[in-house]
PDB file of N, CA and C in Angstrom:
ATOM      1  N   UNK A   1       6.813  -2.861 -12.382  1.00  0.00           N
ATOM      2  CA  UNK A   1       6.914  -1.718 -11.480  1.00  0.00           C
ATOM      3  C   UNK A   1       7.999  -0.908 -11.757  1.00  0.00           C
ATOM      4  N   UNK A   2       7.940   0.480 -11.731  1.00  0.00           N
ATOM      5  CA  UNK A   2       9.036   1.305 -11.928  1.00  0.00           C
ATOM      6  C   UNK A   2      10.048   1.355 -11.069  1.00  0.00           C
ATOM      7  N   UNK A   3      11.210   1.612 -11.541  1.00  0.00           N
ATOM      8  CA  UNK A   3      12.272   1.456 -10.320  1.00  0.00           C
ATOM      9  C   UNK A   3      12.634   2.794 -10.084  1.00  0.00           C
ATOM     10  N   UNK A   4      12.467   3.510  -8.879  1.00  0.00           N
ATOM     11  CA  UNK A   4      12.936   4.633  -8.489  1.00  0.00           C
ATOM     12  C   UNK A   4      14.125   4.742  -7.321  1.00  0.00           C
ATOM     13  N   UNK A   5      14.863   5.606  -7.638  1.00  0.00           N
ATOM     14  CA  UNK A   5      15.986   5.608  -6.574  1.00  0.00           C
ATOM     15  C   UNK A   5      15.617   6.838  -5.581  1.00  0.00           C
ATOM     16  N   UNK A   6      15.178   6.208  -4.353  1.00  0.00           N
ATOM     17  CA  UNK A   6      14.784   7.090  -3.337  1.00  0.00           C
ATOM     18  C   UNK A   6      15.576   7.042  -2.275  1.00  0.00           C
ATOM     19  N   UNK A   7      16.252   8.095  -1.691  1.00  0.00           N
ATOM     20  CA  UNK A   7      17.096   8.118  -0.547  1.00  0.00           C
ATOM     21  C   UNK A   7      16.063   8.178   0.690  1.00  0.00           C
ATOM     22  N   UNK A   8      16.860   7.480   1.723  1.00  0.00           N
ATOM     23  CA  UNK A   8      15.998   7.627   2.938  1.00  0.00           C
ATOM     24  C   UNK A   8      15.399   8.946   3.407  1.00  0.00           C
ATOM     25  N   UNK A   9      16.204   9.776   2.989  1.00  0.00           N
ATOM     26  CA  UNK A   9      15.747  11.413   3.575  1.00  0.00           C
ATOM     27  C   UNK A   9      14.547  11.677   2.720  1.00  0.00           C
ATOM     28  N   UNK A  10      14.746  11.231   1.440  1.00  0.00           N
ATOM     29  CA  UNK A  10      13.524  11.642   0.630  1.00  0.00           C
ATOM     30  C   UNK A  10      12.139  10.805   1.062  1.00  0.00           C
ATOM     31  N   UNK A  11      12.394   9.377   1.250  1.00  0.00           N
ATOM     32  CA  UNK A  11      11.522   8.615   1.617  1.00  0.00           C
ATOM     33  C   UNK A  11      10.777   9.358   3.010  1.00  0.00           C
ATOM     34  N   UNK A  12      11.466   9.650   3.977  1.00  0.00           N
ATOM     35  CA  UNK A  12      11.001  10.277   5.142  1.00  0.00           C
ATOM     36  C   UNK A  12      10.181  11.513   4.977  1.00  0.00           C
ATOM     37  N   UNK A  13      10.797  12.329   4.212  1.00  0.00           N
ATOM     38  CA  UNK A  13       9.922  13.552   3.705  1.00  0.00           C
ATOM     39  C   UNK A  13       8.707  13.121   3.255  1.00  0.00           C
ATOM     40  N   UNK A  14       8.645  12.089   2.272  1.00  0.00           N
ATOM     41  CA  UNK A  14       7.330  11.968   1.514  1.00  0.00           C
ATOM     42  C   UNK A  14       6.412  11.342   2.646  1.00  0.00           C
ATOM     43  N   UNK A  15       6.891  10.346   3.488  1.00  0.00           N
ATOM     44  CA  UNK A  15       6.094   9.847   4.431  1.00  0.00           C
ATOM     45  C   UNK A  15       5.438  10.866   5.252  1.00  0.00           C
ATOM     46  N   UNK A  16       6.277  12.003   5.670  1.00  0.00           N
ATOM     47  CA  UNK A  16       5.733  12.911   6.719  1.00  0.00           C
ATOM     48  C   UNK A  16       4.633  13.852   6.161  1.00  0.00           C
ATOM     49  N   UNK A  17       4.841  13.866   4.694  1.00  0.00           N
ATOM     50  CA  UNK A  17       3.889  14.906   3.907  1.00  0.00           C
ATOM     51  C   UNK A  17       2.573  14.278   3.447  1.00  0.00           C
ATOM     52  N   UNK A  18       2.531  12.930   3.231  1.00  0.00           N
ATOM     53  CA  UNK A  18       1.345  12.373   2.973  1.00  0.00           C
ATOM     54  C   UNK A  18       0.664  11.512   3.858  1.00  0.00           C
ATOM     55  N   UNK A  19       1.214  11.225   5.113  1.00  0.00           N
ATOM     56  CA  UNK A  19       0.542  10.520   6.229  1.00  0.00           C
ATOM     57  C   UNK A  19       0.268  11.535   7.238  1.00  0.00           C
ATOM     58  N   UNK A  20      -0.798  11.362   7.984  1.00  0.00           N
ATOM     59  CA  UNK A  20      -0.945  12.354   9.048  1.00  0.00           C
ATOM     60  C   UNK A  20      -0.497  11.535  10.489  1.00  0.00           C
ATOM     61  N   UNK A  21      -0.399  10.084  10.261  1.00  0.00           N
ATOM     62  CA  UNK A  21       0.168   9.247  11.431  1.00  0.00           C
ATOM     63  C   UNK A  21       0.610   8.117  10.626  1.00  0.00           C
ATOM     64  N   UNK A  22       1.924   7.610  11.401  1.00  0.00           N
ATOM     65  CA  UNK A  22       2.646   6.429  10.957  1.00  0.00           C
ATOM     66  C   UNK A  22       2.296   5.314  11.802  1.00  0.00           C
ATOM     67  N   UNK A  23       1.589   5.542  13.011  1.00  0.00           N
ATOM     68  CA  UNK A  23       1.193   4.458  13.831  1.00  0.00           C
ATOM     69  C   UNK A  23       0.214   4.939  14.787  1.00  0.00           C
ATOM     70  N   UNK A  24      -1.101   4.564  14.492  1.00  0.00           N
ATOM     71  CA  UNK A  24      -1.529   3.901  13.159  1.00  0.00           C
ATOM     72  C   UNK A  24      -1.328   4.504  11.777  1.00  0.00           C
ATOM     73  N   UNK A  25      -1.136   3.804  10.858  1.00  0.00           N
ATOM     74  CA  UNK A  25      -1.073   4.319   9.661  1.00  0.00           C
ATOM     75  C   UNK A  25      -2.410   5.092   8.957  1.00  0.00           C
ATOM     76  N   UNK A  26      -2.221   6.546   8.838  1.00  0.00           N
ATOM     77  CA  UNK A  26      -3.312   7.072   8.254  1.00  0.00           C
ATOM     78  C   UNK A  26      -2.654   8.013   7.288  1.00  0.00           C
ATOM     79  N   UNK A  27      -3.438   7.901   5.887  1.00  0.00           N
ATOM     80  CA  UNK A  27      -2.990   8.608   4.728  1.00  0.00           C
ATOM     81  C   UNK A  27      -3.690   9.726   4.635  1.00  0.00           C
ATOM     82  N   UNK A  28      -3.052  10.827   4.370  1.00  0.00           N
ATOM     83  CA  UNK A  28      -3.937  12.145   4.102  1.00  0.00           C
ATOM     84  C   UNK A  28      -4.296  12.479   2.765  1.00  0.00           C
ATOM     85  N   UNK A  29      -3.226  12.075   1.913  1.00  0.00           N
ATOM     86  CA  UNK A  29      -3.279  12.193   0.288  1.00  0.00           C
ATOM     87  C   UNK A  29      -2.647  11.312  -0.314  1.00  0.00           C
ATOM     88  N   UNK A  30      -3.415  10.736  -1.615  1.00  0.00           N
ATOM     89  CA  UNK A  30      -2.804   9.731  -2.281  1.00  0.00           C
ATOM     90  C   UNK A  30      -2.294  10.643  -3.492  1.00  0.00           C
ATOM     91  N   UNK A  31      -0.900  10.771  -3.419  1.00  0.00           N
ATOM     92  CA  UNK A  31      -0.336  11.483  -4.503  1.00  0.00           C
ATOM     93  C   UNK A  31      -0.419  10.991  -6.004  1.00  0.00           C
ATOM     94  N   UNK A  32      -0.517  12.017  -6.801  1.00  0.00           N
ATOM     95  CA  UNK A  32      -0.478  11.530  -8.139  1.00  0.00           C
ATOM     96  C   UNK A  32       1.046  11.301  -8.759  1.00  0.00           C
ATOM     97  N   UNK A  33       1.796  11.785  -8.061  1.00  0.00           N
ATOM     98  CA  UNK A  33       3.232  11.548  -8.432  1.00  0.00           C
ATOM     99  C   UNK A  33       3.772  10.102  -8.360  1.00  0.00           C
ATOM    100  N   UNK A  34       4.278   9.578  -9.310  1.00  0.00           N
ATOM    101  CA  UNK A  34       4.703   8.097  -9.308  1.00  0.00           C
ATOM    102  C   UNK A  34       5.671   7.833  -8.142  1.00  0.00           C
ATOM    103  N   UNK A  35       6.735   8.840  -8.163  1.00  0.00           N
ATOM    104  CA  UNK A  35       7.685   8.358  -7.021  1.00  0.00           C
ATOM    105  C   UNK A  35       6.967   8.307  -5.555  1.00  0.00           C
ATOM    106  N   UNK A  36       6.097   9.432  -5.542  1.00  0.00           N
ATOM    107  CA  UNK A  36       5.521   9.385  -3.936  1.00  0.00           C
ATOM    108  C   UNK A  36       4.694   8.166  -3.814  1.00  0.00           C
ATOM    109  N   UNK A  37       3.849   7.812  -4.859  1.00  0.00           N
ATOM    110  CA  UNK A  37       2.880   6.433  -4.654  1.00  0.00           C
ATOM    111  C   UNK A  37       3.644   5.280  -4.476  1.00  0.00           C
ATOM    112  N   UNK A  38       5.079   5.351  -5.048  1.00  0.00           N
ATOM    113  CA  UNK A  38       5.890   4.235  -4.795  1.00  0.00           C
ATOM    114  C   UNK A  38       6.218   4.025  -3.392  1.00  0.00           C
ATOM    115  N   UNK A  39       6.579   5.262  -2.617  1.00  0.00           N
ATOM    116  CA  UNK A  39       6.843   5.205  -1.298  1.00  0.00           C
ATOM    117  C   UNK A  39       5.438   4.984  -0.400  1.00  0.00           C
ATOM    118  N   UNK A  40       4.363   5.454  -0.946  1.00  0.00           N
ATOM    119  CA  UNK A  40       3.110   5.069  -0.070  1.00  0.00           C
ATOM    120  C   UNK A  40       2.880   3.683  -0.057  1.00  0.00           C
ATOM    121  N   UNK A  41       2.859   3.272  -1.440  1.00  0.00           N
ATOM    122  CA  UNK A  41       2.416   1.932  -1.458  1.00  0.00           C
ATOM    123  C   UNK A  41       3.394   0.888  -0.692  1.00  0.00           C
ATOM    124  N   UNK A  42       4.739   1.137  -0.782  1.00  0.00           N
ATOM    125  CA  UNK A  42       5.556   0.384   0.085  1.00  0.00           C
ATOM    126  C   UNK A  42       5.351   0.455   1.480  1.00  0.00           C
ATOM    127  N   UNK A  43       5.034   1.604   1.914  1.00  0.00           N
ATOM    128  CA  UNK A  43       4.661   1.530   3.478  1.00  0.00           C
ATOM    129  C   UNK A  43       3.287   0.912   3.789  1.00  0.00           C
ATOM    130  N   UNK A  44       2.295   1.275   2.958  1.00  0.00           N
ATOM    131  CA  UNK A  44       1.116   0.325   3.245  1.00  0.00           C
ATOM    132  C   UNK A  44       1.352  -1.028   3.044  1.00  0.00           C
ATOM    133  N   UNK A  45       1.947  -1.667   2.020  1.00  0.00           N
ATOM    134  CA  UNK A  45       2.252  -3.001   1.887  1.00  0.00           C
ATOM    135  C   UNK A  45       2.813  -3.778   3.279  1.00  0.00           C
ATOM    136  N   UNK A  46       3.597  -2.800   3.999  1.00  0.00           N
ATOM    137  CA  UNK A  46       4.098  -3.264   5.275  1.00  0.00           C
ATOM    138  C   UNK A  46       3.152  -3.735   6.179  1.00  0.00           C
ATOM    139  N   UNK A  47       1.798  -3.309   6.071  1.00  0.00           N
ATOM    140  CA  UNK A  47       0.816  -3.483   7.005  1.00  0.00           C
ATOM    141  C   UNK A  47       0.229  -5.026   6.712  1.00  0.00           C
ATOM    142  N   UNK A  48       0.578  -5.733   5.668  1.00  0.00           N
ATOM    143  CA  UNK A  48       0.396  -6.978   5.412  1.00  0.00           C
ATOM    144  C   UNK A  48       1.343  -8.065   5.715  1.00  0.00           C
ATOM    145  N   UNK A  49       1.012  -9.260   6.320  1.00  0.00           N
ATOM    146  CA  UNK A  49       1.877 -10.280   6.733  1.00  0.00           C
ATOM    147  C   UNK A  49       2.234 -11.361   5.598  1.00  0.00           C
ATOM    148  N   UNK A  50       3.547 -11.446   5.286  1.00  0.00           N
ATOM    149  CA  UNK A  50       3.790 -12.521   4.431  1.00  0.00           C
ATOM    150  C   UNK A  50       3.525 -13.638   4.770  1.00  0.00           C
ATOM    151  N   UNK A  51       2.938 -14.517   3.954  1.00  0.00           N
ATOM    152  CA  UNK A  51       2.457 -15.948   4.084  1.00  0.00           C
ATOM    153  C   UNK A  51       1.137 -16.077   4.691  1.00  0.00           C
ATOM    154  N   UNK A  52       0.610 -14.853   4.877  1.00  0.00           N
ATOM    155  CA  UNK A  52      -1.029 -15.071   5.163  1.00  0.00           C
ATOM    156  C   UNK A  52      -1.995 -14.604   4.223  1.00  0.00           C
ATOM    157  N   UNK A  53      -3.049 -15.573   4.258  1.00  0.00           N
ATOM    158  CA  UNK A  53      -4.033 -15.235   3.311  1.00  0.00           C
ATOM    159  C   UNK A  53      -5.046 -14.387   3.883  1.00  0.00           C
ATOM    160  N   UNK A  54      -5.550 -13.424   3.048  1.00  0.00           N
ATOM    161  CA  UNK A  54      -6.505 -12.619   3.320  1.00  0.00           C
ATOM    162  C   UNK A  54      -7.850 -12.669   2.479  1.00  0.00           C
ATOM    163  N   UNK A  55      -8.978 -12.350   2.932  1.00  0.00           N
ATOM    164  CA  UNK A  55     -10.078 -12.106   1.935  1.00  0.00           C
ATOM    165  C   UNK A  55     -10.070 -10.804   1.423  1.00  0.00           C
ATOM    166  N   UNK A  56     -10.963 -10.487   0.451  1.00  0.00           N
ATOM    167  CA  UNK A  56     -11.194  -9.041   0.038  1.00  0.00           C
ATOM    168  C   UNK A  56     -11.472  -8.189   1.096  1.00  0.00           C
ATOM    169  N   UNK A  57     -12.498  -8.777   2.082  1.00  0.00           N
ATOM    170  CA  UNK A  57     -13.090  -8.044   3.024  1.00  0.00           C
ATOM    171  C   UNK A  57     -11.852  -7.794   4.107  1.00  0.00           C
ATOM    172  N   UNK A  58     -11.009  -8.705   4.402  1.00  0.00           N
ATOM    173  CA  UNK A  58      -9.970  -8.422   5.253  1.00  0.00           C
ATOM    174  C   UNK A  58      -8.999  -7.245   4.860  1.00  0.00           C
ATOM    175  N   UNK A  59      -8.641  -7.352   3.281  1.00  0.00           N
ATOM    176  CA  UNK A  59      -7.820  -6.387   2.636  1.00  0.00           C
ATOM    177  C   UNK A  59      -8.627  -4.773   2.838  1.00  0.00           C
ATOM    178  N   UNK A  60      -9.753  -4.810   2.349  1.00  0.00           N
ATOM    179  CA  UNK A  60     -10.469  -3.740   2.584  1.00  0.00           C
ATOM    180  C   UNK A  60     -10.629  -3.012   3.971  1.00  0.00           C
ATOM    181  N   UNK A  61     -10.768  -3.884   4.988  1.00  0.00           N
ATOM    182  CA  UNK A  61     -10.837  -3.455   6.316  1.00  0.00           C
ATOM    183  C   UNK A  61      -9.557  -2.920   6.864  1.00  0.00           C
ATOM    184  N   UNK A  62      -8.411  -3.448   6.225  1.00  0.00           N
ATOM    185  CA  UNK A  62      -7.195  -2.796   6.511  1.00  0.00           C
ATOM    186  C   UNK A  62      -7.050  -1.463   5.940  1.00  0.00           C
ATOM    187  N   UNK A  63      -7.213  -1.515   4.691  1.00  0.00           N
ATOM    188  CA  UNK A  63      -6.897  -0.306   4.018  1.00  0.00           C
ATOM    189  C   UNK A  63      -8.198   0.902   4.368  1.00  0.00           C
ATOM    190  N   UNK A  64      -9.292   0.567   4.764  1.00  0.00           N
ATOM    191  CA  UNK A  64     -10.188   1.628   5.238  1.00  0.00           C
ATOM    192  C   UNK A  64      -9.739   2.330   6.324  1.00  0.00           C
ATOM    193  N   UNK A  65      -8.699   1.630   7.307  1.00  0.00           N
ATOM    194  CA  UNK A  65      -8.190   2.188   8.375  1.00  0.00           C
ATOM    195  C   UNK A  65      -7.197   3.214   8.035  1.00  0.00           C
ATOM    196  N   UNK A  66      -6.608   2.771   6.918  1.00  0.00           N
ATOM    197  CA  UNK A  66      -5.555   3.791   6.353  1.00  0.00           C
ATOM    198  C   UNK A  66      -6.012   4.798   5.722  1.00  0.00           C
ATOM    199  N   UNK A  67      -6.973   4.730   4.820  1.00  0.00           N
ATOM    200  CA  UNK A  67      -7.460   5.724   3.728  1.00  0.00           C
ATOM    201  C   UNK A  67      -9.018   5.407   3.491  1.00  0.00           C
ATOM    202  N   UNK A  68      -9.754   5.714   4.476  1.00  0.00           N
ATOM    203  CA  UNK A  68     -11.277   5.818   4.286  1.00  0.00           C
ATOM    204  C   UNK A  68     -11.717   6.034   2.757  1.00  0.00           C
ATOM    205  N   UNK A  69     -11.250   7.339   2.196  1.00  0.00           N
ATOM    206  CA  UNK A  69     -11.862   7.930   1.056  1.00  0.00           C
ATOM    207  C   UNK A  69     -11.599   7.110  -0.285  1.00  0.00           C
ATOM    208  N   UNK A  70     -10.621   6.304  -0.487  1.00  0.00           N
ATOM    209  CA  UNK A  70     -10.498   5.602  -1.470  1.00  0.00           C
ATOM    210  C   UNK A  70      -9.847   4.208  -1.237  1.00  0.00           C
ATOM    211  N   UNK A  71     -10.271   3.386  -0.398  1.00  0.00           N
ATOM    212  CA  UNK A  71      -9.299   2.184  -0.386  1.00  0.00           C
ATOM    213  C   UNK A  71      -9.418   1.068  -1.417  1.00  0.00           C
ATOM    214  N   UNK A  72     -10.331   1.243  -2.288  1.00  0.00           N
ATOM    215  CA  UNK A  72     -10.301   0.428  -3.550  1.00  0.00           C
ATOM    216  C   UNK A  72      -9.223   0.658  -4.388  1.00  0.00           C
ATOM    217  N   UNK A  73      -8.786   2.065  -4.473  1.00  0.00           N
ATOM    218  CA  UNK A  73      -7.561   2.506  -5.155  1.00  0.00           C
ATOM    219  C   UNK A  73      -6.390   1.921  -4.603  1.00  0.00           C
ATOM    220  N   UNK A  74      -6.381   2.149  -3.349  1.00  0.00           N
ATOM    221  CA  UNK A  74      -5.086   1.537  -2.843  1.00  0.00           C
ATOM    222  C   UNK A  74      -5.137   0.005  -3.000  1.00  0.00           C
ATOM    223  N   UNK A  75      -6.129  -0.786  -2.916  1.00  0.00           N
ATOM    224  CA  UNK A  75      -6.082  -2.033  -3.144  1.00  0.00           C
ATOM    225  C   UNK A  75      -5.597  -2.537  -4.532  1.00  0.00           C
ATOM    226  N   UNK A  76      -6.336  -1.893  -5.517  1.00  0.00           N
ATOM    227  CA  UNK A  76      -5.805  -2.000  -7.039  1.00  0.00           C
ATOM    228  C   UNK A  76      -4.297  -1.566  -7.049  1.00  0.00           C
ATOM    229  N   UNK A  77      -3.960  -0.543  -6.638  1.00  0.00           N
ATOM    230  CA  UNK A  77      -2.557   0.001  -6.669  1.00  0.00           C
ATOM    231  C   UNK A  77      -1.473  -1.189  -5.878  1.00  0.00           C
ATOM    232  N   UNK A  78      -1.756  -1.871  -4.738  1.00  0.00           N
ATOM    233  CA  UNK A  78      -0.958  -2.772  -4.280  1.00  0.00           C
ATOM    234  C   UNK A  78      -0.845  -3.995  -5.269  1.00  0.00           C
ATOM    235  N   UNK A  79      -1.888  -4.278  -6.043  1.00  0.00           N
ATOM    236  CA  UNK A  79      -1.874  -5.366  -6.927  1.00  0.00           C
ATOM    237  C   UNK A  79      -1.000  -5.031  -8.263  1.00  0.00           C
ATOM    238  N   UNK A  80      -1.313  -3.849  -8.770  1.00  0.00           N
ATOM    239  CA  UNK A  80      -0.512  -3.173  -9.852  1.00  0.00           C
ATOM    240  C   UNK A  80       0.801  -3.075  -9.656  1.00  0.00           C
ATOM    241  N   UNK A  81       1.112  -2.693  -8.520  1.00  0.00           N
ATOM    242  CA  UNK A  81       2.369  -2.184  -8.243  1.00  0.00           C
ATOM    243  C   UNK A  81       3.209  -3.635  -7.747  1.00  0.00           C
ATOM    244  N   UNK A  82       2.619  -4.785  -7.740  1.00  0.00           N
ATOM    245  CA  UNK A  82       3.442  -5.972  -7.250  1.00  0.00           C
ATOM    246  C   UNK A  82       3.479  -6.291  -5.719  1.00  0.00           C
ATOM    247  N   UNK A  83       2.907  -5.630  -4.920  1.00  0.00           N
ATOM    248  CA  UNK A  83       2.824  -5.879  -3.424  1.00  0.00           C
ATOM    249  C   UNK A  83       2.081  -6.947  -3.033  1.00  0.00           C
ATOM    250  N   UNK A  84       0.761  -7.084  -3.541  1.00  0.00           N
ATOM    251  CA  UNK A  84      -0.095  -8.070  -3.181  1.00  0.00           C
ATOM    252  C   UNK A  84      -0.396  -8.829  -4.465  1.00  0.00           C
ATOM    253  N   UNK A  85      -0.723  -9.968  -4.381  1.00  0.00           N
ATOM    254  CA  UNK A  85      -1.345 -10.943  -5.478  1.00  0.00           C
ATOM    255  C   UNK A  85      -2.661 -11.382  -5.067  1.00  0.00           C
ATOM    256  N   UNK A  86      -3.429 -11.832  -5.812  1.00  0.00           N
ATOM    257  CA  UNK A  86      -4.555 -12.480  -5.648  1.00  0.00           C
ATOM    258  C   UNK A  86      -5.049 -13.466  -6.792  1.00  0.00           C
ATOM    259  N   UNK A  87      -6.035 -14.382  -6.041  1.00  0.00           N
ATOM    260  CA  UNK A  87      -6.770 -15.443  -6.896  1.00  0.00           C
ATOM    261  C   UNK A  87      -7.556 -14.603  -8.083  1.00  0.00           C
ATOM    262  N   UNK A  88      -7.777 -15.210  -9.242  1.00  0.00           N
ATOM    263  CA  UNK A  88      -8.257 -14.509 -10.449  1.00  0.00           C
ATOM    264  C   UNK A  88      -9.668 -14.199 -10.055  1.00  0.00           C
ATOM    265  N   UNK A  89     -10.513 -14.879  -9.194  1.00  0.00           N
ATOM    266  CA  UNK A  89     -11.926 -14.600  -8.655  1.00  0.00           C
ATOM    267  C   UNK A  89     -11.870 -13.389  -7.656  1.00  0.00           C
ATOM    268  N   UNK A  90     -10.647 -12.932  -7.279  1.00  0.00           N
ATOM    269  CA  UNK A  90     -10.449 -11.932  -5.955  1.00  0.00           C
ATOM    270  C   UNK A  90     -10.791 -12.542  -4.540  1.00  0.00           C
ATOM    271  N   UNK A  91     -10.910 -13.717  -4.461  1.00  0.00           N
ATOM    272  CA  UNK A  91     -11.357 -14.399  -3.179  1.00  0.00           C
ATOM    273  C   UNK A  91     -10.255 -14.484  -2.019  1.00  0.00           C
ATOM    274  N   UNK A  92      -9.086 -14.554  -2.563  1.00  0.00           N
ATOM    275  CA  UNK A  92      -7.946 -14.702  -1.690  1.00  0.00           C
ATOM    276  C   UNK A  92      -6.777 -13.666  -2.318  1.00  0.00           C
ATOM    277  N   UNK A  93      -6.215 -12.993  -1.159  1.00  0.00           N
ATOM    278  CA  UNK A  93      -5.153 -12.025  -1.456  1.00  0.00           C
ATOM    279  C   UNK A  93      -3.912 -12.653  -0.598  1.00  0.00           C
ATOM    280  N   UNK A  94      -2.572 -12.222  -0.909  1.00  0.00           N
ATOM    281  CA  UNK A  94      -1.454 -12.389  -0.207  1.00  0.00           C
ATOM    282  C   UNK A  94      -0.514 -11.530  -0.605  1.00  0.00           C
ATOM    283  N   UNK A  95       0.664 -11.271   0.084  1.00  0.00           N
ATOM    284  CA  UNK A  95       1.834 -10.442  -0.196  1.00  0.00           C
ATOM    285  C   UNK A  95       2.720 -11.374  -1.084  1.00  0.00           C
ATOM    286  N   UNK A  96       3.043 -10.599  -2.396  1.00  0.00           N
ATOM    287  CA  UNK A  96       3.915 -11.327  -3.191  1.00  0.00           C
ATOM    288  C   UNK A  96       5.275 -11.697  -2.522  1.00  0.00           C
ATOM    289  N   UNK A  97       5.794 -12.766  -2.815  1.00  0.00           N
ATOM    290  CA  UNK A  97       7.003 -13.339  -2.286  1.00  0.00           C
ATOM    291  C   UNK A  97       8.274 -12.207  -2.661  1.00  0.00           C
ATOM    292  N   UNK A  98       8.206 -11.574  -3.859  1.00  0.00           N
ATOM    293  CA  UNK A  98       9.162 -10.807  -4.498  1.00  0.00           C
ATOM    294  C   UNK A  98       9.578  -9.658  -3.654  1.00  0.00           C
ATOM    295  N   UNK A  99       8.691  -9.189  -2.587  1.00  0.00           N
ATOM    296  CA  UNK A  99       8.648  -7.974  -1.852  1.00  0.00           C
ATOM    297  C   UNK A  99       9.110  -8.284  -0.487  1.00  0.00           C
TER     298      UNK A  99
END
């Protein structure tokens, strides 16, 4: 995972620009800029409980509520950026302990 220095002010500005709502969480646009994506995925990862096991259907259901247009990209991004982990067969997902 790339390490970005993001001030609270920058994070707040990014969140306001890419989400139409923070409660419930609704993503307007998935930015192609790495720094913005880091903020987006961090916020989305907060929707998952540490210690809880999720099926792929559970994960998809949560992500569809946030960004119906491309929830599978969100799921892959959460794995790639190290927020979620999964069994090799994709049957179980969970929040990685390092986050």
